[in-house]
Protein backbone atom coordinates (compact mmCIF):
# COMPACT_ATOMS: atom_id res chain seq x y z
CA MET A 1 60.85 -53.49 15.65
CA ASN A 2 58.04 -52.65 17.99
CA PHE A 3 59.69 -54.51 20.80
CA TYR A 4 62.66 -52.21 20.29
CA PHE A 5 60.50 -48.91 20.25
CA ASP A 6 58.93 -50.43 23.74
CA ALA A 7 62.17 -50.76 25.21
CA ALA A 8 63.56 -47.31 23.92
CA THR A 9 60.35 -45.63 25.50
CA VAL A 10 61.29 -47.28 29.20
CA LEU A 11 64.65 -45.82 28.78
CA ASP A 12 63.09 -42.41 27.72
CA LYS A 13 61.27 -42.61 30.98
CA LEU A 14 64.03 -43.44 33.16
CA ASP A 15 65.96 -40.82 31.76
CA ALA A 16 63.18 -38.34 32.62
CA LYS A 17 62.94 -39.86 36.17
CA GLN A 18 59.52 -40.84 35.91
CA GLY A 19 59.77 -43.78 38.06
CA SER A 20 61.85 -46.97 38.97
CA ILE A 21 63.16 -49.50 36.55
CA LYS A 22 60.59 -51.70 38.40
CA GLY A 23 57.79 -49.59 38.29
CA VAL A 24 58.05 -48.45 34.82
CA ILE A 25 58.79 -51.81 33.39
CA ALA A 26 55.57 -52.78 35.03
CA THR A 27 53.56 -50.49 32.66
CA LEU A 28 54.56 -52.89 29.88
CA PRO A 29 52.34 -55.28 28.27
CA GLU A 30 52.63 -58.74 30.36
CA LYS A 31 53.18 -61.00 27.11
CA ASP A 32 56.23 -58.80 25.94
CA ARG A 33 57.29 -57.95 29.48
CA LYS A 34 59.92 -60.48 30.30
CA ARG A 35 61.83 -60.30 26.79
CA THR A 36 61.76 -56.30 26.81
CA THR A 37 62.92 -56.14 30.53
CA ALA A 38 66.12 -58.36 29.70
CA LEU A 39 67.02 -55.97 26.88
CA ILE A 40 66.53 -52.93 28.99
CA ILE A 41 68.76 -54.29 31.97
CA GLU A 42 71.45 -55.74 29.81
CA THR A 43 71.34 -51.97 27.66
CA LEU A 44 71.78 -50.27 31.13
CA LYS A 45 74.56 -52.54 32.24
CA TYR A 46 76.62 -51.60 28.88
CA LYS A 47 74.90 -47.86 28.42
CA ALA A 48 78.27 -46.13 28.71
CA VAL A 49 80.34 -48.06 26.45
CA LEU A 50 77.57 -48.58 23.89
CA SER A 51 76.90 -44.78 23.86
CA ASP A 52 80.59 -44.02 23.28
CA ALA A 53 80.50 -46.57 20.45
CA ILE A 54 77.29 -44.80 18.83
CA ASP A 55 79.13 -41.57 19.15
CA ALA A 56 82.38 -42.78 17.47
CA ALA A 57 80.73 -44.43 14.62
CA ARG A 58 78.45 -41.12 14.17
CA LEU A 59 75.47 -43.14 13.53
CA LEU A 60 72.67 -40.79 14.90
CA LYS A 61 74.51 -37.97 12.79
CA GLU A 62 74.31 -39.81 9.54
CA GLU A 63 71.23 -42.25 10.07
CA HIS A 64 68.03 -39.75 10.76
CA LYS A 65 65.85 -43.07 10.63
CA ILE A 66 67.11 -43.80 14.01
CA THR A 67 65.18 -41.41 16.07
CA SER A 68 66.58 -41.40 19.43
CA LYS A 69 69.79 -42.43 21.33
CA ASN A 70 67.96 -44.79 23.41
CA PHE A 71 66.63 -46.32 20.41
CA ALA A 72 69.92 -46.60 18.91
CA LEU A 73 71.27 -48.05 22.25
CA VAL A 74 68.90 -50.91 22.51
CA LEU A 75 69.43 -51.81 18.65
CA VAL A 76 73.16 -51.71 19.03
CA HIS A 77 73.16 -53.51 22.01
CA ASP A 78 71.67 -56.60 19.99
CA LEU A 79 73.81 -56.17 16.99
CA LEU A 80 77.10 -56.18 19.28
CA LEU A 81 76.01 -58.29 22.16
CA SER A 82 73.15 -60.27 21.50
CA GLY A 83 73.95 -62.29 18.30
CA GLY A 84 72.04 -59.35 15.94
CA ILE A 85 68.92 -57.30 15.63
CA GLN A 86 65.78 -59.25 15.99
CA ALA A 87 63.78 -57.59 13.64
CA GLY A 88 62.79 -57.97 9.81
CA ASP A 89 64.97 -56.24 7.27
CA GLY A 90 63.47 -52.90 7.25
CA PRO A 91 64.98 -49.27 6.89
CA VAL A 92 66.12 -49.11 10.52
CA LYS A 93 67.68 -52.28 10.66
CA GLN A 94 69.64 -51.42 7.42
CA ALA A 95 70.51 -48.00 8.80
CA VAL A 96 72.36 -49.61 11.69
CA LEU A 97 73.89 -52.61 9.70
CA ARG A 98 75.64 -49.86 7.59
CA HIS A 99 77.57 -49.11 10.41
CA LYS A 100 78.29 -52.72 11.70
CA THR A 101 81.73 -52.64 10.78
CA ARG A 102 82.72 -49.18 12.44
CA LEU A 103 80.64 -50.20 15.68
CA ARG A 104 82.54 -53.28 16.13
CA SER A 105 85.57 -51.51 15.69
CA GLU A 106 84.87 -48.79 18.08
CA PHE A 107 83.59 -51.25 20.82
CA GLN A 108 86.85 -53.33 20.55
CA ARG A 109 88.87 -50.09 20.74
CA ILE A 110 87.11 -48.98 24.07
CA LYS A 111 88.06 -52.63 25.48
CA ILE A 112 91.49 -52.06 24.55
CA LYS A 113 91.63 -48.50 26.01
CA ARG A 114 89.99 -49.78 29.36
CA GLY A 115 92.37 -52.76 29.43
CA VAL A 116 89.68 -55.36 29.84
CA LYS A 117 89.78 -58.88 28.27
CA SER A 118 86.33 -59.81 28.21
CA THR A 119 83.25 -57.91 27.19
CA THR A 120 81.55 -58.74 30.59
CA GLU A 121 84.32 -56.69 32.35
CA LEU A 122 82.69 -53.61 30.75
CA ALA A 123 79.24 -54.07 32.53
CA GLN A 124 78.19 -51.87 35.08
CA THR A 125 78.79 -54.13 38.42
CA ASP A 126 76.07 -54.18 41.26
CA ASP A 127 75.58 -51.63 43.84
CA SER A 128 77.33 -53.18 47.06
CA ARG A 129 74.72 -52.21 49.35
CA ALA A 130 72.34 -54.56 47.50
CA LEU A 131 74.19 -57.41 48.64
CA LEU A 132 73.49 -56.43 52.29
CA ILE A 133 69.62 -56.55 51.87
CA PRO A 134 68.14 -60.45 52.17
CA ARG A 135 65.73 -61.46 49.46
CA TYR A 136 62.51 -60.90 51.51
CA VAL A 137 59.37 -62.91 50.87
CA ARG A 138 56.03 -61.91 52.60
CA VAL A 139 53.58 -64.67 53.37
CA ASN A 140 50.26 -63.81 51.76
CA THR A 141 48.01 -64.77 55.05
CA ALA A 142 44.99 -64.37 52.57
CA ARG A 143 46.13 -68.07 51.38
CA TRP A 144 47.81 -69.72 54.21
CA THR A 145 49.60 -68.70 57.46
CA THR A 146 53.22 -67.96 58.13
CA LYS A 147 53.44 -71.20 60.40
CA GLU A 148 52.53 -73.19 57.08
CA ALA A 149 54.99 -71.44 54.94
CA ILE A 150 57.95 -71.66 57.68
CA LYS A 151 57.11 -75.63 57.43
CA THR A 152 56.88 -75.70 53.69
CA PHE A 153 60.72 -74.08 53.44
CA ILE A 154 61.88 -76.19 56.10
CA SER A 155 60.71 -79.60 54.11
CA ARG A 156 62.51 -78.08 50.86
CA GLY A 157 65.89 -78.06 52.89
CA PHE A 158 65.86 -74.57 54.31
CA VAL A 159 67.03 -74.05 58.02
CA LEU A 160 65.76 -71.16 60.32
CA SER A 161 68.98 -69.84 61.26
CA GLY A 162 69.41 -66.40 58.97
CA PRO A 163 69.74 -65.32 55.49
CA PHE A 164 73.44 -64.78 55.78
CA ASP A 165 74.47 -67.84 57.67
CA SER A 166 74.23 -70.12 54.82
CA ASP A 167 72.73 -70.70 51.26
CA LYS A 168 69.90 -72.34 52.88
CA GLY A 169 69.29 -70.28 55.97
CA PHE A 170 66.50 -68.18 56.27
CA SER A 171 64.52 -66.19 59.18
CA GLN A 172 61.23 -64.83 60.28
CA ASP A 173 61.53 -61.00 60.64
CA GLU A 174 61.23 -59.43 64.00
CA HIS A 175 59.29 -56.30 63.04
CA ILE A 176 56.84 -57.79 60.34
CA PRO A 177 55.75 -61.18 61.67
CA ASP A 178 54.50 -62.57 57.96
CA LEU A 179 58.02 -61.68 56.57
CA LEU A 180 60.77 -63.83 55.95
CA ALA A 181 64.21 -63.32 54.64
CA PHE A 182 66.12 -65.36 52.66
CA PRO A 183 69.95 -65.08 51.06
CA ALA A 184 70.14 -62.21 48.81
CA GLN A 185 70.81 -64.44 45.78
CA MET A 186 67.67 -66.56 46.23
CA GLN A 187 65.28 -66.19 43.24
CA PHE A 188 61.46 -67.11 43.54
CA VAL A 189 59.96 -65.52 40.52
CA ASN A 190 59.40 -69.03 39.18
CA ASP A 191 58.56 -70.66 42.36
CA PRO A 192 55.09 -72.17 42.37
CA LEU A 193 54.34 -70.51 45.70
CA TYR A 194 54.89 -67.09 44.03
CA ARG A 195 52.98 -68.04 40.83
CA GLU A 196 49.94 -69.09 43.21
CA GLY A 197 50.20 -65.96 45.16
CA LYS A 198 51.14 -67.56 48.44
CA ILE A 199 53.97 -65.38 48.63
CA ILE A 200 54.79 -61.87 47.70
CA LEU A 201 58.38 -60.94 46.83
CA GLN A 202 58.38 -57.41 48.79
CA ASP A 203 61.44 -55.09 50.47
CA LYS A 204 60.91 -55.24 54.23
CA ALA A 205 60.63 -51.38 54.53
CA SER A 206 57.80 -51.43 51.84
CA CYS A 207 55.75 -53.75 54.40
CA PHE A 208 55.88 -50.73 56.90
CA PRO A 209 53.02 -48.57 55.45
CA ALA A 210 50.19 -51.20 55.61
CA TYR A 211 51.66 -52.51 58.80
CA VAL A 212 51.69 -49.18 60.70
CA LEU A 213 48.36 -48.15 59.20
CA ALA A 214 47.20 -51.14 61.21
CA PRO A 215 43.62 -51.50 59.39
CA PRO A 216 40.70 -52.58 61.49
CA ILE A 217 39.76 -56.35 61.10
CA SER A 218 36.07 -55.91 60.71
CA ASP A 219 33.16 -56.42 58.46
CA ASP A 220 32.60 -52.53 58.56
CA SER A 221 35.99 -51.37 57.96
CA VAL A 222 36.53 -49.01 55.16
CA VAL A 223 40.17 -48.31 53.88
CA ILE A 224 41.79 -46.66 51.00
CA ASP A 225 45.07 -47.40 48.88
CA ALA A 226 45.68 -44.28 47.38
CA THR A 227 48.14 -45.01 44.83
CA ALA A 228 47.80 -48.80 44.26
CA ALA A 229 49.99 -50.49 41.55
CA PRO A 230 51.59 -52.65 41.43
CA GLY A 231 49.76 -53.97 44.34
CA ASN A 232 52.10 -55.48 46.86
CA LYS A 233 51.08 -53.07 49.43
CA THR A 234 47.33 -53.51 48.62
CA SER A 235 47.80 -57.14 49.04
CA HIS A 236 49.20 -56.69 52.44
CA LEU A 237 46.48 -54.47 53.60
CA CYS A 238 43.96 -57.05 52.71
CA ALA A 239 45.93 -59.88 54.37
CA LEU A 240 45.86 -57.40 57.32
CA MET A 241 42.11 -56.89 57.26
CA GLY A 242 41.65 -60.65 57.01
CA ASN A 243 39.78 -60.16 53.95
CA ARG A 244 36.96 -58.41 55.66
CA GLY A 245 35.56 -54.99 55.34
CA LYS A 246 36.04 -52.94 52.02
CA LEU A 247 39.48 -51.88 50.58
CA PHE A 248 39.12 -49.57 47.77
CA ALA A 249 42.48 -49.28 45.48
CA PHE A 250 43.04 -46.32 43.36
CA GLU A 251 45.26 -46.29 40.34
CA ARG A 252 45.05 -43.63 37.75
CA ASP A 253 47.50 -45.06 35.03
CA ARG A 254 45.69 -47.73 32.66
CA LYS A 255 48.43 -49.86 32.07
CA ARG A 256 49.17 -50.12 35.71
CA PHE A 257 45.56 -50.67 36.58
CA SER A 258 46.08 -53.79 34.56
CA THR A 259 49.05 -54.86 36.85
CA LEU A 260 47.26 -54.11 40.06
CA THR A 261 44.03 -56.03 39.02
CA ALA A 262 46.34 -59.13 37.96
CA MET A 263 48.29 -58.98 41.24
CA LEU A 264 44.98 -58.75 43.21
CA SER A 265 43.51 -61.63 41.52
CA LYS A 266 46.80 -63.65 42.18
CA ALA A 267 46.73 -62.94 45.79
CA HIS A 268 42.93 -63.66 46.22
CA CYS A 269 42.00 -60.27 47.42
CA THR A 270 38.11 -60.44 47.61
CA ASN A 271 37.73 -57.35 49.85
CA VAL A 272 39.23 -54.88 47.33
CA GLU A 273 37.34 -52.81 44.69
CA ALA A 274 39.86 -51.66 42.37
CA ILE A 275 39.47 -48.22 40.72
CA ASN A 276 40.89 -46.89 37.73
CA ALA A 277 40.78 -43.26 38.80
CA ASP A 278 43.03 -40.49 40.43
CA PHE A 279 42.65 -40.49 44.30
CA LEU A 280 42.79 -36.88 43.85
CA SER A 281 39.88 -36.46 41.66
CA ILE A 282 37.53 -38.25 44.48
CA THR A 283 35.22 -36.26 46.48
CA PRO A 284 35.81 -37.04 50.15
CA GLU A 285 32.04 -36.40 50.96
CA ASP A 286 30.69 -38.87 48.33
CA ARG A 287 28.65 -41.36 50.36
CA LYS A 288 30.65 -44.05 48.73
CA PHE A 289 33.83 -43.02 50.74
CA ASP A 290 32.58 -40.75 53.52
CA THR A 291 32.88 -43.78 56.05
CA VAL A 292 36.68 -44.56 55.34
CA THR A 293 38.70 -44.48 58.41
CA HIS A 294 42.24 -45.37 57.16
CA ILE A 295 44.14 -44.14 54.18
CA LEU A 296 47.42 -45.43 52.76
CA LEU A 297 49.72 -42.62 50.69
CA ASP A 298 52.38 -43.98 48.95
CA PRO A 299 52.66 -41.36 46.14
CA SER A 300 55.16 -41.00 43.30
CA CYS A 301 58.64 -39.91 44.54
CA SER A 302 62.32 -39.96 43.62
CA GLY A 303 62.81 -43.37 44.19
CA SER A 304 66.10 -42.26 45.71
CA GLY A 305 66.24 -45.13 48.46
CA ILE A 306 65.97 -48.06 45.92
CA VAL A 307 69.38 -49.76 45.81
CA ASN A 308 68.27 -53.18 44.60
CA ARG A 309 70.03 -54.84 41.39
CA LEU A 310 67.75 -53.05 39.24
CA ASP A 311 67.97 -49.40 40.13
CA HIS A 312 71.75 -49.20 40.70
CA LEU A 313 72.00 -49.33 36.98
CA LEU A 314 70.67 -45.61 36.84
CA GLU A 315 72.88 -42.54 37.58
CA ALA A 316 72.97 -41.74 41.30
CA GLY A 317 69.77 -39.37 41.85
CA SER A 318 71.15 -36.95 44.39
CA GLU A 319 70.43 -33.46 44.53
CA ARG A 320 72.16 -31.92 41.58
CA SER A 321 71.37 -29.25 39.46
CA GLY A 322 68.04 -29.93 37.84
CA ASP A 323 67.32 -32.18 40.13
CA ILE A 324 66.01 -29.83 42.90
CA GLU A 325 63.33 -28.50 40.74
CA ARG A 326 62.26 -31.91 40.00
CA LEU A 327 62.12 -32.76 43.94
CA ASN A 328 59.98 -29.71 44.64
CA LYS A 329 57.54 -30.69 42.03
CA LEU A 330 57.30 -34.11 43.85
CA ALA A 331 56.87 -32.56 47.32
CA ALA A 332 54.15 -30.22 46.01
CA PHE A 333 52.49 -33.43 44.75
CA GLN A 334 52.76 -35.45 47.85
CA LEU A 335 51.61 -32.72 50.17
CA SER A 336 48.40 -32.41 47.93
CA MET A 337 47.68 -36.10 48.28
CA ILE A 338 48.04 -35.39 52.54
CA LYS A 339 46.12 -32.57 52.46
CA HIS A 340 43.28 -34.30 50.10
CA ALA A 341 43.38 -37.51 52.53
CA MET A 342 42.72 -34.99 55.58
CA LYS A 343 39.23 -34.06 54.01
CA PHE A 344 37.62 -37.43 54.26
CA PRO A 345 35.40 -36.80 56.92
CA SER A 346 35.79 -40.10 59.00
CA VAL A 347 39.25 -40.63 58.46
CA THR A 348 41.24 -41.09 61.62
CA ARG A 349 44.69 -42.64 60.56
CA ILE A 350 46.66 -41.78 57.50
CA VAL A 351 50.08 -43.15 56.72
CA TYR A 352 52.38 -41.18 54.37
CA SER A 353 55.53 -43.01 53.05
CA THR A 354 58.15 -42.80 50.01
CA CYS A 355 61.08 -44.78 48.97
CA SER A 356 63.23 -41.53 49.06
CA VAL A 357 65.90 -40.60 51.25
CA HIS A 358 65.58 -36.59 50.63
CA ALA A 359 64.14 -34.68 53.40
CA VAL A 360 62.35 -32.27 51.18
CA GLU A 361 60.23 -35.45 50.07
CA ASN A 362 59.97 -36.50 53.67
CA GLU A 363 60.40 -34.44 56.83
CA HIS A 364 59.83 -31.22 54.92
CA VAL A 365 56.39 -32.64 53.72
CA VAL A 366 55.23 -33.88 56.99
CA SER A 367 55.89 -30.42 58.52
CA ARG A 368 54.09 -28.56 55.80
CA ALA A 369 51.28 -30.92 56.11
CA LEU A 370 50.86 -30.46 59.98
CA THR A 371 50.87 -26.77 59.46
CA SER A 372 48.18 -26.88 56.83
CA GLU A 373 44.85 -25.98 56.91
CA GLU A 374 43.44 -29.07 56.46
CA ALA A 375 45.45 -30.51 59.35
CA VAL A 376 44.38 -27.66 62.00
CA LYS A 377 40.74 -28.16 60.73
CA GLY A 378 40.87 -31.92 61.17
CA GLN A 379 42.91 -31.75 64.38
CA PHE A 380 45.51 -34.16 62.65
CA GLN A 381 49.07 -34.80 64.50
CA LEU A 382 51.60 -37.23 64.24
CA ALA A 383 51.41 -40.53 66.10
CA SER A 384 53.74 -41.18 69.10
CA PRO A 385 56.92 -43.06 68.51
CA GLY A 386 55.34 -45.81 70.81
CA ALA A 387 52.62 -46.39 68.29
CA VAL A 388 54.91 -46.36 64.88
CA LEU A 389 57.05 -49.44 65.11
CA PRO A 390 58.56 -48.79 68.61
CA LEU A 391 61.15 -51.43 68.20
CA TRP A 392 62.67 -49.64 65.05
CA LYS A 393 65.76 -47.57 66.13
CA ARG A 394 66.07 -45.24 63.11
CA ARG A 395 63.87 -42.12 63.13
CA GLY A 396 63.54 -38.79 61.19
CA LEU A 397 66.01 -36.38 60.97
CA PRO A 398 65.27 -33.45 63.71
CA GLU A 399 67.27 -30.89 62.03
CA GLU A 400 64.94 -31.23 59.20
CA MET A 401 61.70 -30.70 60.93
CA ASP A 402 60.18 -27.65 61.89
CA HIS A 403 59.70 -29.03 65.38
CA PRO A 404 62.76 -31.06 66.17
CA ALA A 405 60.82 -33.29 68.79
CA LEU A 406 58.50 -34.86 66.31
CA ALA A 407 61.05 -36.38 64.39
CA SER A 408 60.99 -39.08 66.81
CA SER A 409 57.81 -40.12 65.33
CA LEU A 410 59.14 -40.64 61.94
CA ILE A 411 60.61 -44.10 60.59
CA ARG A 412 63.42 -43.86 58.19
CA CYS A 413 65.22 -47.11 56.73
CA SER A 414 68.72 -46.45 55.30
CA PRO A 415 70.08 -48.28 52.47
CA GLY A 416 73.21 -50.56 53.40
CA GLU A 417 72.63 -50.12 56.87
CA ASP A 418 69.17 -51.28 57.79
CA ALA A 419 69.09 -54.64 55.49
CA THR A 420 66.44 -52.59 53.40
CA ASN A 421 66.45 -50.00 50.75
CA GLY A 422 65.71 -46.39 51.79
CA PHE A 423 62.39 -45.71 52.82
CA PHE A 424 60.56 -43.30 55.00
CA VAL A 425 57.02 -43.72 56.85
CA SER A 426 54.84 -41.17 58.80
CA VAL A 427 51.40 -41.80 60.36
CA PHE A 428 49.03 -38.81 61.09
CA VAL A 429 46.20 -39.41 63.36
CA ARG A 430 43.02 -37.31 64.24
CA GLY A 431 42.36 -36.00 67.84
CA SER A 432 42.25 -38.80 70.24
CA HIS A 433 41.78 -41.65 67.62
CA GLU A 434 45.41 -43.12 67.99
CA HIS A 435 45.63 -46.61 68.69
CA GLY A 436 48.70 -47.96 70.88
CA GLY A 437 50.16 -44.67 71.86
CA GLN A 438 49.67 -41.34 72.77
CA LEU A 439 49.55 -38.03 70.41
CA HIS A 440 53.05 -36.82 69.74
CA THR A 441 52.94 -32.70 69.11
CA ALA A 442 55.40 -29.82 69.19
CA GLY A 443 55.32 -28.62 73.09
CA THR A 444 53.34 -31.59 74.33
CA LYS A 445 55.20 -34.03 76.87
CA ARG A 446 54.79 -37.48 75.99
CA LYS A 447 53.99 -40.37 78.04
CA SER A 448 57.16 -42.73 77.91
CA THR A 449 57.00 -45.99 76.01
CA ASP A 450 59.42 -47.56 78.15
CA TYR A 451 57.48 -49.67 80.67
CA GLY A 452 60.31 -49.88 82.91
CA GLU A 453 60.67 -46.14 83.12
CA ARG A 454 56.69 -46.07 83.91
CA ILE A 455 57.22 -48.49 86.82
CA GLU A 456 59.84 -46.54 88.32
CA THR A 457 57.62 -43.43 87.99
CA ARG A 458 55.12 -45.08 89.64
CA LYS A 459 57.21 -46.16 92.74
CA ARG A 460 58.67 -42.81 93.27
CA LYS A 461 55.22 -41.24 93.35
CA LYS A 462 53.99 -44.05 95.84
CA ARG A 463 57.00 -43.70 98.02
CA LYS A 464 56.41 -39.82 98.10
CA LYS A 465 52.78 -40.09 98.86
CA THR A 466 53.95 -42.70 101.88
CA THR A 467 56.41 -40.08 103.51
CA SER A 468 54.38 -37.21 103.19
């Protein structure tokens, strides 16, 4: 019965919007995770009809041993759709079985009412936008090279054409060199390359934060991943650093910390020190951290940008009544993370990202961070567009910024339009420490990142000087 309690607890957390399905499931014990995940996903698919059947059968009103609606959902799912409740004949199981005939009758009545012939027709279908997102595979360059990976996949019969060209088509990403894109239906969780840590299953947009942080490849480099679990971005940072220097990975949740350490071990991340602590509790002037120059912040967010095959099963998380307060609380926490990162005495580059589409967690947080005491004291500004994925077209929302011109320094990814989940990325740099571009501040004229434009400007100046 503990198996059902665990599944119900996950559903409770999802109802409370404490994370994405993938993130909450990651906190489950690994030995039971696969079985529990299957029950959770299937229950969510049929949640609406199961809930109607439970209410019509008066299960919760007549059986007080069944303590919650989510507990009832997972039990009734297995009773009606999975061959029976997988537990001993205890009082809880017997409580459900007393209503077996009524539950089946109500379930059949729902099928008739909805005009479906099979049970599978009652399941909630996939988010159509998910079909437009390839199956992304990041090559873990801490283990091997992208060239070797491509050669291996070609030897398996894959063709370097494109993820939507054929069932065996794949491509190398134009923005993230170590990222490969495969057809959306491809599965790699049982692939030996995945089990050995040679490939990481990570959405393209999720690769942007580590990539634009651009940590130094040096034995002296010191970097922080402030909210590291489950470890995808941490392992990416490690690979970008060439497994050199020092990478501190913070995770305050004990279960998620276990997931993180397992991930880092599988990925062969030897330069990482995982720390089971809250990043906000760390003293920036601590001698252990006072030489940190690069910090990645990917704190808890609404997850409203995620449209993969899991989170479409949750109700759409738009800004409904009740959600506004939650988004404001998240934004306050996110801002506190940025301000804390700015206090580290040697930090020169901070990346703040979310998997949210809401401006309150994105542009609004960045605007408030730029005017904070910490930003003014530390001389932090946004990096210029030329230093933040210059080839990426979709930028921040000008109308949501205090200084609209700064929106071009921000990265946005739109689900269903950019072949990624929804995402947001910003880069703060201290003073003149920007690499690859000029500072972009309100009221400051930027140098153009268009080299053709620069050449023409130089020609005009030269002609003017010649004629004068």
